[in-house]
């Protein structure tokens, strides 16, 4: 079963009884493209690629608690609304940045020991790879394995002369 990991902590471990009811579909990022028609142009419209649109994602979740359902629901809301990074347990090497979360309604069952809800996450359109820090003492290349230009995070420490070039710049 897939778990949501928020800021490094499993939601199911933070609030026991939290379940993802089915494997969530995650939409692909959609490029923001502007098309401008130019009368008389033979090769179609002009195309301007502007960037990427945010992703809206709504997994179906359930909370089961035989004693303190309301308290568990309050804790769940607090964790979801304060989270900034989302990892899915079946894809632990990548994360998405959470821009906002809308919680919505908590539907309690007839026995009042469980309820379901469907939070709506607004996510950054890009996926970020989690990598361990690497130490280099000589020339090296960093290769982006993705399909979108990326800006790596470089932290330089130590002493001596350092020259950093990106694409010959």
N, C-alpha and C. Protein backbone atom coordinates (compact mmCIF):
# COMPACT_ATOMS: atom_id res chain seq x y z
N UNK A 1 0.84 -1.18 0.00
CA UNK A 1 0.00 0.00 0.00
C UNK A 1 0.88 1.24 0.00
N UNK A 2 0.50 2.23 -0.74
CA UNK A 2 1.26 3.48 -0.85
C UNK A 2 0.99 4.35 0.38
N UNK A 3 2.04 4.97 0.88
CA UNK A 3 1.91 5.92 1.98
C UNK A 3 2.35 7.29 1.52
N UNK A 4 1.77 8.32 2.14
CA UNK A 4 2.21 9.69 1.90
C UNK A 4 3.27 10.02 2.94
N UNK A 5 4.39 10.54 2.47
CA UNK A 5 5.46 10.96 3.38
C UNK A 5 5.56 12.47 3.26
N UNK A 6 5.24 13.15 4.35
CA UNK A 6 5.22 14.61 4.38
C UNK A 6 6.39 15.11 5.19
N UNK A 7 7.25 15.89 4.56
CA UNK A 7 8.44 16.44 5.23
C UNK A 7 9.23 15.36 5.96
N UNK A 8 9.37 14.20 5.32
CA UNK A 8 10.19 13.12 5.88
C UNK A 8 9.49 12.19 6.85
N UNK A 9 8.20 12.44 7.15
CA UNK A 9 7.47 11.59 8.09
C UNK A 9 6.26 10.97 7.42
N UNK A 10 6.08 9.68 7.63
CA UNK A 10 4.92 8.98 7.08
C UNK A 10 3.65 9.49 7.76
N UNK A 11 2.66 9.86 6.97
CA UNK A 11 1.38 10.30 7.54
C UNK A 11 0.73 9.16 8.32
N UNK A 12 0.87 7.92 7.83
CA UNK A 12 0.27 6.76 8.50
C UNK A 12 0.93 6.48 9.85
N UNK A 13 2.22 6.80 9.99
CA UNK A 13 2.88 6.61 11.28
C UNK A 13 2.61 7.78 12.22
N UNK A 14 2.48 8.98 11.66
CA UNK A 14 2.19 10.15 12.49
C UNK A 14 0.77 10.12 13.02
N UNK A 15 -0.16 9.64 12.20
CA UNK A 15 -1.56 9.50 12.60
C UNK A 15 -1.95 8.05 12.29
N UNK A 16 -1.76 7.14 13.25
CA UNK A 16 -2.09 5.73 13.01
C UNK A 16 -3.55 5.58 12.56
N UNK A 17 -3.74 4.70 11.60
CA UNK A 17 -5.08 4.48 11.06
C UNK A 17 -5.32 5.24 9.76
N UNK A 18 -4.34 6.00 9.29
CA UNK A 18 -4.48 6.72 8.02
C UNK A 18 -4.11 5.79 6.88
N UNK A 19 -5.00 5.67 5.92
CA UNK A 19 -4.79 4.78 4.78
C UNK A 19 -5.03 5.51 3.47
N UNK A 20 -4.23 5.19 2.47
CA UNK A 20 -4.52 5.63 1.11
C UNK A 20 -5.42 4.54 0.54
N UNK A 21 -6.66 4.88 0.17
CA UNK A 21 -7.63 3.86 -0.18
C UNK A 21 -7.37 3.18 -1.52
N UNK A 22 -6.70 3.86 -2.43
CA UNK A 22 -6.31 3.22 -3.68
C UNK A 22 -5.08 3.94 -4.23
N UNK A 23 -4.33 3.23 -5.06
CA UNK A 23 -3.12 3.79 -5.65
C UNK A 23 -3.47 5.08 -6.39
N UNK A 24 -2.87 6.19 -5.97
CA UNK A 24 -3.25 7.47 -6.59
C UNK A 24 -2.61 7.67 -7.96
N UNK A 25 -3.38 8.24 -8.87
CA UNK A 25 -2.85 8.66 -10.16
C UNK A 25 -2.24 10.04 -9.98
N UNK A 26 -1.08 10.25 -10.57
CA UNK A 26 -0.44 11.56 -10.49
C UNK A 26 -0.34 12.11 -11.90
N UNK A 27 -0.98 13.25 -12.15
CA UNK A 27 -0.94 13.81 -13.49
C UNK A 27 0.45 14.33 -13.83
N UNK A 28 0.77 14.28 -15.11
CA UNK A 28 2.04 14.83 -15.57
C UNK A 28 1.93 16.35 -15.64
N UNK A 29 3.07 16.99 -15.49
CA UNK A 29 3.10 18.46 -15.60
C UNK A 29 2.72 18.85 -17.03
N UNK A 30 1.99 19.94 -17.12
CA UNK A 30 1.54 20.41 -18.42
C UNK A 30 2.24 21.74 -18.72
N UNK A 31 2.80 21.82 -19.91
CA UNK A 31 3.52 23.02 -20.31
C UNK A 31 2.54 24.15 -20.63
N UNK A 32 2.87 25.36 -20.19
CA UNK A 32 2.09 26.55 -20.51
C UNK A 32 2.60 27.08 -21.85
N UNK A 33 1.78 26.96 -22.86
CA UNK A 33 2.17 27.36 -24.21
C UNK A 33 1.17 28.37 -24.76
N UNK A 34 1.69 29.44 -25.34
CA UNK A 34 0.84 30.44 -25.96
C UNK A 34 1.03 30.36 -27.47
N UNK A 35 -0.09 30.23 -28.18
CA UNK A 35 -0.08 30.20 -29.64
C UNK A 35 -0.62 31.51 -30.16
N UNK A 36 0.09 32.12 -31.09
CA UNK A 36 -0.34 33.38 -31.68
C UNK A 36 -0.50 33.17 -33.19
N UNK A 37 -1.74 33.32 -33.66
CA UNK A 37 -1.99 33.19 -35.09
C UNK A 37 -1.51 34.44 -35.81
N UNK A 38 -0.84 34.24 -36.92
CA UNK A 38 -0.35 35.34 -37.73
C UNK A 38 -0.94 35.15 -39.13
N UNK A 39 -1.87 36.04 -39.52
CA UNK A 39 -2.48 35.90 -40.85
C UNK A 39 -1.41 35.88 -41.95
N UNK A 40 -1.54 34.93 -42.86
CA UNK A 40 -0.62 34.82 -43.99
C UNK A 40 0.62 34.00 -43.70
N UNK A 41 0.82 33.61 -42.46
CA UNK A 41 2.02 32.82 -42.12
C UNK A 41 1.83 31.40 -42.66
N UNK A 42 2.82 30.90 -43.39
CA UNK A 42 2.70 29.59 -44.03
C UNK A 42 2.91 28.42 -43.06
N UNK A 43 3.70 28.63 -42.02
CA UNK A 43 4.05 27.51 -41.15
C UNK A 43 3.24 27.48 -39.85
N UNK A 44 2.03 27.99 -39.88
CA UNK A 44 1.17 27.93 -38.70
C UNK A 44 1.38 29.08 -37.75
N UNK A 45 0.97 28.89 -36.51
CA UNK A 45 1.04 29.96 -35.52
C UNK A 45 2.42 30.05 -34.89
N UNK A 46 2.68 31.18 -34.26
CA UNK A 46 3.89 31.35 -33.47
C UNK A 46 3.67 30.65 -32.13
N UNK A 47 4.71 30.05 -31.59
CA UNK A 47 4.60 29.30 -30.35
C UNK A 47 5.55 29.89 -29.32
N UNK A 48 5.00 30.18 -28.13
CA UNK A 48 5.82 30.68 -27.03
C UNK A 48 5.67 29.71 -25.86
N UNK A 49 6.77 29.05 -25.51
CA UNK A 49 6.77 28.12 -24.37
C UNK A 49 7.10 28.93 -23.13
N UNK A 50 6.15 29.01 -22.20
CA UNK A 50 6.26 29.89 -21.05
C UNK A 50 6.73 29.22 -19.77
N UNK A 51 6.68 27.95 -19.68
CA UNK A 51 7.03 27.26 -18.43
C UNK A 51 6.06 26.12 -18.19
N UNK A 52 5.83 25.81 -16.93
CA UNK A 52 5.00 24.67 -16.57
C UNK A 52 3.92 25.09 -15.58
N UNK A 53 2.73 24.48 -15.73
CA UNK A 53 1.62 24.77 -14.82
C UNK A 53 1.72 23.90 -13.57
N UNK A 54 1.22 24.43 -12.45
CA UNK A 54 1.16 23.64 -11.22
C UNK A 54 0.27 22.42 -11.44
N UNK A 55 0.46 21.43 -10.61
CA UNK A 55 -0.33 20.19 -10.67
C UNK A 55 -1.30 20.18 -9.50
N UNK A 56 -2.54 19.81 -9.77
CA UNK A 56 -3.52 19.60 -8.71
C UNK A 56 -3.69 18.09 -8.56
N UNK A 57 -3.56 17.62 -7.33
CA UNK A 57 -3.58 16.18 -7.06
C UNK A 57 -4.43 15.92 -5.84
N UNK A 58 -5.37 14.96 -5.95
CA UNK A 58 -6.30 14.68 -4.85
C UNK A 58 -6.37 13.18 -4.56
N UNK A 59 -5.55 12.68 -3.66
CA UNK A 59 -5.63 11.27 -3.30
C UNK A 59 -6.83 11.00 -2.39
N UNK A 60 -7.35 9.79 -2.45
CA UNK A 60 -8.45 9.40 -1.57
C UNK A 60 -7.86 8.76 -0.32
N UNK A 61 -8.19 9.32 0.84
CA UNK A 61 -7.63 8.84 2.10
C UNK A 61 -8.73 8.44 3.07
N UNK A 62 -8.39 7.56 4.00
CA UNK A 62 -9.32 7.14 5.03
C UNK A 62 -8.61 7.17 6.37
N UNK A 63 -9.36 7.51 7.39
CA UNK A 63 -8.83 7.55 8.75
C UNK A 63 -9.70 6.64 9.62
N UNK A 64 -9.06 5.66 10.26
CA UNK A 64 -9.76 4.73 11.15
C UNK A 64 -9.20 4.91 12.55
N UNK A 65 -10.09 5.20 13.51
CA UNK A 65 -9.67 5.39 14.90
C UNK A 65 -10.85 5.03 15.79
N UNK A 66 -10.69 3.99 16.59
CA UNK A 66 -11.80 3.49 17.41
C UNK A 66 -12.04 4.31 18.67
N UNK A 67 -11.10 5.19 19.05
CA UNK A 67 -11.25 5.92 20.31
C UNK A 67 -11.30 7.43 20.13
N UNK A 68 -10.39 7.99 19.34
CA UNK A 68 -10.24 9.45 19.28
C UNK A 68 -10.27 9.95 17.84
N UNK A 69 -11.32 9.66 17.13
CA UNK A 69 -11.41 10.01 15.69
C UNK A 69 -11.28 11.51 15.47
N UNK A 70 -11.96 12.32 16.27
CA UNK A 70 -11.90 13.78 16.07
C UNK A 70 -10.50 14.33 16.33
N UNK A 71 -9.83 13.82 17.36
CA UNK A 71 -8.47 14.30 17.63
C UNK A 71 -7.51 13.88 16.52
N UNK A 72 -7.67 12.67 16.02
CA UNK A 72 -6.82 12.21 14.90
C UNK A 72 -7.08 13.05 13.66
N UNK A 73 -8.32 13.43 13.43
CA UNK A 73 -8.68 14.26 12.27
C UNK A 73 -8.04 15.64 12.39
N UNK A 74 -8.07 16.22 13.60
CA UNK A 74 -7.41 17.52 13.80
C UNK A 74 -5.91 17.44 13.55
N UNK A 75 -5.27 16.38 14.04
CA UNK A 75 -3.83 16.20 13.83
C UNK A 75 -3.53 16.02 12.34
N UNK A 76 -4.36 15.26 11.65
CA UNK A 76 -4.18 15.04 10.21
C UNK A 76 -4.24 16.37 9.46
N UNK A 77 -5.24 17.18 9.77
CA UNK A 77 -5.36 18.49 9.09
C UNK A 77 -4.13 19.34 9.32
N UNK A 78 -3.66 19.37 10.55
CA UNK A 78 -2.48 20.18 10.87
C UNK A 78 -1.26 19.71 10.09
N UNK A 79 -1.05 18.39 10.03
CA UNK A 79 0.11 17.85 9.30
C UNK A 79 0.01 18.15 7.80
N UNK A 80 -1.17 17.98 7.23
CA UNK A 80 -1.35 18.23 5.79
C UNK A 80 -1.14 19.71 5.46
N UNK A 81 -1.71 20.59 6.28
CA UNK A 81 -1.65 22.02 5.96
C UNK A 81 -0.28 22.63 6.21
N UNK A 82 0.55 22.00 7.03
CA UNK A 82 1.87 22.56 7.30
C UNK A 82 2.98 21.92 6.46
N UNK A 83 2.65 20.89 5.70
CA UNK A 83 3.66 20.16 4.93
C UNK A 83 4.17 20.98 3.75
N UNK A 84 5.44 20.79 3.42
CA UNK A 84 6.03 21.49 2.27
C UNK A 84 6.64 20.55 1.24
N UNK A 85 6.84 19.28 1.61
CA UNK A 85 7.46 18.33 0.70
C UNK A 85 6.68 17.02 0.73
N UNK A 86 6.38 16.47 -0.44
CA UNK A 86 5.60 15.23 -0.55
C UNK A 86 6.42 14.16 -1.26
N UNK A 87 6.51 12.98 -0.62
CA UNK A 87 7.14 11.80 -1.21
C UNK A 87 6.11 10.68 -1.14
N UNK A 88 6.02 9.86 -2.18
CA UNK A 88 5.19 8.66 -2.14
C UNK A 88 6.09 7.49 -1.81
N UNK A 89 5.63 6.61 -0.92
CA UNK A 89 6.47 5.52 -0.43
C UNK A 89 6.91 4.57 -1.55
N UNK A 90 6.17 4.50 -2.65
CA UNK A 90 6.58 3.62 -3.74
C UNK A 90 7.52 4.30 -4.74
N UNK A 91 7.89 5.56 -4.47
CA UNK A 91 8.83 6.31 -5.31
C UNK A 91 9.70 7.18 -4.41
N UNK A 92 10.49 6.54 -3.53
CA UNK A 92 11.16 7.28 -2.46
C UNK A 92 12.32 8.17 -2.90
N UNK A 93 12.75 8.07 -4.14
CA UNK A 93 13.91 8.86 -4.59
C UNK A 93 13.52 10.21 -5.18
N UNK A 94 12.23 10.52 -5.23
CA UNK A 94 11.77 11.77 -5.81
C UNK A 94 10.75 12.43 -4.89
N UNK A 95 10.73 13.75 -4.91
CA UNK A 95 9.73 14.48 -4.13
C UNK A 95 9.16 15.62 -4.95
N UNK A 96 8.03 16.12 -4.48
CA UNK A 96 7.39 17.30 -5.06
C UNK A 96 7.22 18.33 -3.96
N UNK A 97 7.31 19.59 -4.35
CA UNK A 97 7.08 20.67 -3.40
C UNK A 97 5.59 20.95 -3.32
N UNK A 98 5.08 21.09 -2.12
CA UNK A 98 3.66 21.38 -1.90
C UNK A 98 3.50 22.89 -1.81
N UNK A 99 2.66 23.44 -2.68
CA UNK A 99 2.40 24.88 -2.65
C UNK A 99 1.24 25.21 -1.73
N UNK A 100 0.21 24.36 -1.74
CA UNK A 100 -0.92 24.54 -0.84
C UNK A 100 -1.71 23.24 -0.76
N UNK A 101 -2.51 23.13 0.30
CA UNK A 101 -3.39 21.97 0.49
C UNK A 101 -4.76 22.48 0.91
N UNK A 102 -5.79 22.01 0.24
CA UNK A 102 -7.17 22.27 0.64
C UNK A 102 -7.73 20.96 1.15
N UNK A 103 -8.23 20.97 2.37
CA UNK A 103 -8.62 19.72 3.02
C UNK A 103 -10.01 19.25 2.60
N UNK A 104 -11.00 20.09 2.65
CA UNK A 104 -12.35 19.67 2.28
C UNK A 104 -13.07 18.96 3.42
N UNK A 105 -14.05 18.19 3.07
CA UNK A 105 -14.97 17.58 4.03
C UNK A 105 -14.49 16.21 4.48
N UNK A 106 -14.73 15.92 5.75
CA UNK A 106 -14.42 14.61 6.34
C UNK A 106 -15.74 13.87 6.50
N UNK A 107 -15.94 12.81 5.74
CA UNK A 107 -17.19 12.04 5.76
C UNK A 107 -17.03 10.88 6.73
N UNK A 108 -17.78 10.93 7.84
CA UNK A 108 -17.69 9.90 8.87
C UNK A 108 -18.68 8.79 8.56
N UNK A 109 -18.25 7.52 8.80
CA UNK A 109 -19.13 6.38 8.55
C UNK A 109 -20.23 6.28 9.61
N UNK A 110 -21.14 5.36 9.44
CA UNK A 110 -22.28 5.21 10.34
C UNK A 110 -21.89 4.82 11.76
N UNK A 111 -20.80 4.08 11.91
CA UNK A 111 -20.38 3.60 13.22
C UNK A 111 -19.51 4.63 13.93
N UNK A 112 -19.10 5.67 13.21
CA UNK A 112 -18.30 6.79 13.72
C UNK A 112 -16.93 6.37 14.25
N UNK A 113 -16.31 5.40 13.56
CA UNK A 113 -14.93 5.02 13.90
C UNK A 113 -13.98 5.26 12.72
N UNK A 114 -14.54 5.63 11.59
CA UNK A 114 -13.69 5.94 10.45
C UNK A 114 -14.35 6.99 9.58
N UNK A 115 -13.54 7.59 8.75
CA UNK A 115 -14.05 8.60 7.83
C UNK A 115 -13.13 8.70 6.64
N UNK A 116 -13.63 9.28 5.58
CA UNK A 116 -12.82 9.44 4.37
C UNK A 116 -12.75 10.92 4.02
N UNK A 117 -11.70 11.26 3.31
CA UNK A 117 -11.49 12.64 2.89
C UNK A 117 -10.59 12.64 1.67
N UNK A 118 -10.60 13.73 0.96
CA UNK A 118 -9.85 13.84 -0.29
C UNK A 118 -9.18 15.21 -0.33
N UNK A 119 -7.99 15.32 0.28
CA UNK A 119 -7.30 16.62 0.23
C UNK A 119 -6.88 16.95 -1.19
N UNK A 120 -6.85 18.22 -1.50
CA UNK A 120 -6.43 18.67 -2.83
C UNK A 120 -5.09 19.39 -2.68
N UNK A 121 -4.05 18.78 -3.22
CA UNK A 121 -2.71 19.35 -3.16
C UNK A 121 -2.46 20.17 -4.43
N UNK A 122 -1.92 21.36 -4.27
CA UNK A 122 -1.37 22.11 -5.40
C UNK A 122 0.14 21.92 -5.30
N UNK A 123 0.70 21.25 -6.32
CA UNK A 123 2.10 20.86 -6.30
C UNK A 123 2.90 21.61 -7.35
N UNK A 124 4.16 21.85 -7.05
CA UNK A 124 5.08 22.37 -8.04
C UNK A 124 5.09 21.38 -9.22
N UNK A 125 5.19 21.86 -10.44
CA UNK A 125 5.09 20.95 -11.58
C UNK A 125 6.27 20.00 -11.75
N UNK A 126 7.39 20.29 -11.12
CA UNK A 126 8.58 19.47 -11.32
C UNK A 126 8.74 18.45 -10.20
N UNK A 127 9.38 17.35 -10.53
CA UNK A 127 9.77 16.35 -9.54
C UNK A 127 11.25 16.58 -9.25
N UNK A 128 11.62 16.46 -8.00
CA UNK A 128 13.00 16.68 -7.59
C UNK A 128 13.59 15.37 -7.10
N UNK A 129 14.78 15.05 -7.59
CA UNK A 129 15.44 13.81 -7.20
C UNK A 129 16.20 14.02 -5.90
N UNK A 130 16.06 13.06 -5.01
CA UNK A 130 16.78 13.08 -3.74
C UNK A 130 18.11 12.38 -3.97
N UNK A 131 19.19 13.08 -3.74
CA UNK A 131 20.51 12.48 -3.92
C UNK A 131 21.35 12.75 -2.68
N UNK A 132 22.27 11.87 -2.43
CA UNK A 132 23.20 12.06 -1.32
C UNK A 132 24.25 13.08 -1.74
N UNK A 133 24.78 13.83 -0.79
CA UNK A 133 25.87 14.76 -1.13
C UNK A 133 27.05 14.00 -1.71
N UNK A 134 27.72 14.60 -2.66
CA UNK A 134 28.88 14.00 -3.29
C UNK A 134 30.09 14.89 -3.05
N UNK A 135 31.22 14.28 -2.83
CA UNK A 135 32.46 15.02 -2.62
C UNK A 135 33.37 14.78 -3.81
N UNK A 136 33.90 15.87 -4.37
CA UNK A 136 34.80 15.78 -5.51
C UNK A 136 36.09 16.49 -5.17
N UNK A 137 37.20 15.92 -5.60
CA UNK A 137 38.50 16.55 -5.38
C UNK A 137 39.21 16.85 -6.69
N UNK A 138 38.54 16.58 -7.82
CA UNK A 138 39.12 16.83 -9.14
C UNK A 138 37.99 17.25 -10.08
N UNK A 139 38.30 17.44 -11.35
CA UNK A 139 37.28 17.81 -12.33
C UNK A 139 36.17 16.76 -12.36
N UNK A 140 34.94 17.21 -12.59
CA UNK A 140 33.82 16.29 -12.66
C UNK A 140 32.70 16.92 -13.48
N UNK A 141 31.79 16.09 -13.94
CA UNK A 141 30.61 16.54 -14.69
C UNK A 141 29.37 16.17 -13.91
N UNK A 142 28.38 17.04 -13.94
CA UNK A 142 27.07 16.74 -13.39
C UNK A 142 26.13 16.64 -14.58
N UNK A 143 25.41 15.53 -14.69
CA UNK A 143 24.50 15.31 -15.80
C UNK A 143 23.08 15.26 -15.28
N UNK A 144 22.21 16.03 -15.90
CA UNK A 144 20.79 16.05 -15.55
C UNK A 144 20.11 14.86 -16.23
N UNK A 145 19.63 13.86 -15.46
CA UNK A 145 18.99 12.70 -16.07
C UNK A 145 17.54 12.97 -16.52
N UNK A 146 17.02 14.14 -16.20
CA UNK A 146 15.63 14.46 -16.53
C UNK A 146 15.47 14.99 -17.93
N UNK A 147 14.23 15.37 -18.24
CA UNK A 147 13.93 15.87 -19.57
C UNK A 147 13.64 17.37 -19.58
N UNK A 148 13.91 18.04 -18.45
CA UNK A 148 13.68 19.48 -18.34
C UNK A 148 14.95 20.10 -17.76
N UNK A 149 15.30 21.27 -18.25
CA UNK A 149 16.47 21.96 -17.72
C UNK A 149 16.32 22.12 -16.21
N UNK A 150 17.39 21.89 -15.48
CA UNK A 150 17.34 21.96 -14.02
C UNK A 150 18.50 22.78 -13.50
N UNK A 151 18.29 23.35 -12.34
CA UNK A 151 19.33 24.12 -11.68
C UNK A 151 19.80 23.32 -10.47
N UNK A 152 21.00 22.75 -10.53
CA UNK A 152 21.46 21.95 -9.39
C UNK A 152 21.81 22.84 -8.21
N UNK A 153 21.74 22.27 -7.03
CA UNK A 153 22.17 22.96 -5.82
C UNK A 153 23.61 22.56 -5.56
N UNK A 154 24.52 23.52 -5.64
CA UNK A 154 25.93 23.26 -5.40
C UNK A 154 26.34 23.95 -4.10
N UNK A 155 26.93 23.19 -3.20
CA UNK A 155 27.47 23.75 -1.97
C UNK A 155 28.96 23.48 -1.98
N UNK A 156 29.74 24.54 -1.93
CA UNK A 156 31.19 24.41 -2.01
C UNK A 156 31.79 24.77 -0.66
N UNK A 157 32.66 23.89 -0.16
CA UNK A 157 33.34 24.18 1.10
C UNK A 157 34.79 23.73 0.99
N UNK A 158 35.62 24.30 1.81
CA UNK A 158 37.03 23.93 1.79
C UNK A 158 37.89 25.13 1.53
N UNK A 159 39.11 24.88 1.10
CA UNK A 159 40.04 25.98 0.83
C UNK A 159 40.69 25.75 -0.53
N UNK A 160 41.27 26.79 -1.06
CA UNK A 160 41.93 26.70 -2.35
C UNK A 160 41.12 27.40 -3.42
N UNK A 161 41.52 27.20 -4.65
CA UNK A 161 40.87 27.84 -5.80
C UNK A 161 39.87 26.89 -6.41
N UNK A 162 38.68 27.40 -6.69
CA UNK A 162 37.63 26.60 -7.29
C UNK A 162 37.12 27.31 -8.54
N UNK A 163 36.94 26.57 -9.61
CA UNK A 163 36.37 27.12 -10.83
C UNK A 163 35.14 26.27 -11.17
N UNK A 164 33.99 26.93 -11.29
CA UNK A 164 32.76 26.25 -11.63
C UNK A 164 32.31 26.74 -12.99
N UNK A 165 32.09 25.81 -13.92
CA UNK A 165 31.59 26.15 -15.26
C UNK A 165 30.31 25.39 -15.50
N UNK A 166 29.31 26.08 -16.02
CA UNK A 166 28.06 25.44 -16.39
C UNK A 166 27.86 25.71 -17.88
N UNK A 167 27.83 24.63 -18.67
CA UNK A 167 27.70 24.74 -20.13
C UNK A 167 28.70 25.73 -20.70
N UNK A 168 29.92 25.60 -20.34
CA UNK A 168 31.05 26.41 -20.76
C UNK A 168 30.99 27.86 -20.27
N UNK A 169 30.08 28.19 -19.41
CA UNK A 169 30.02 29.54 -18.83
C UNK A 169 30.61 29.52 -17.43
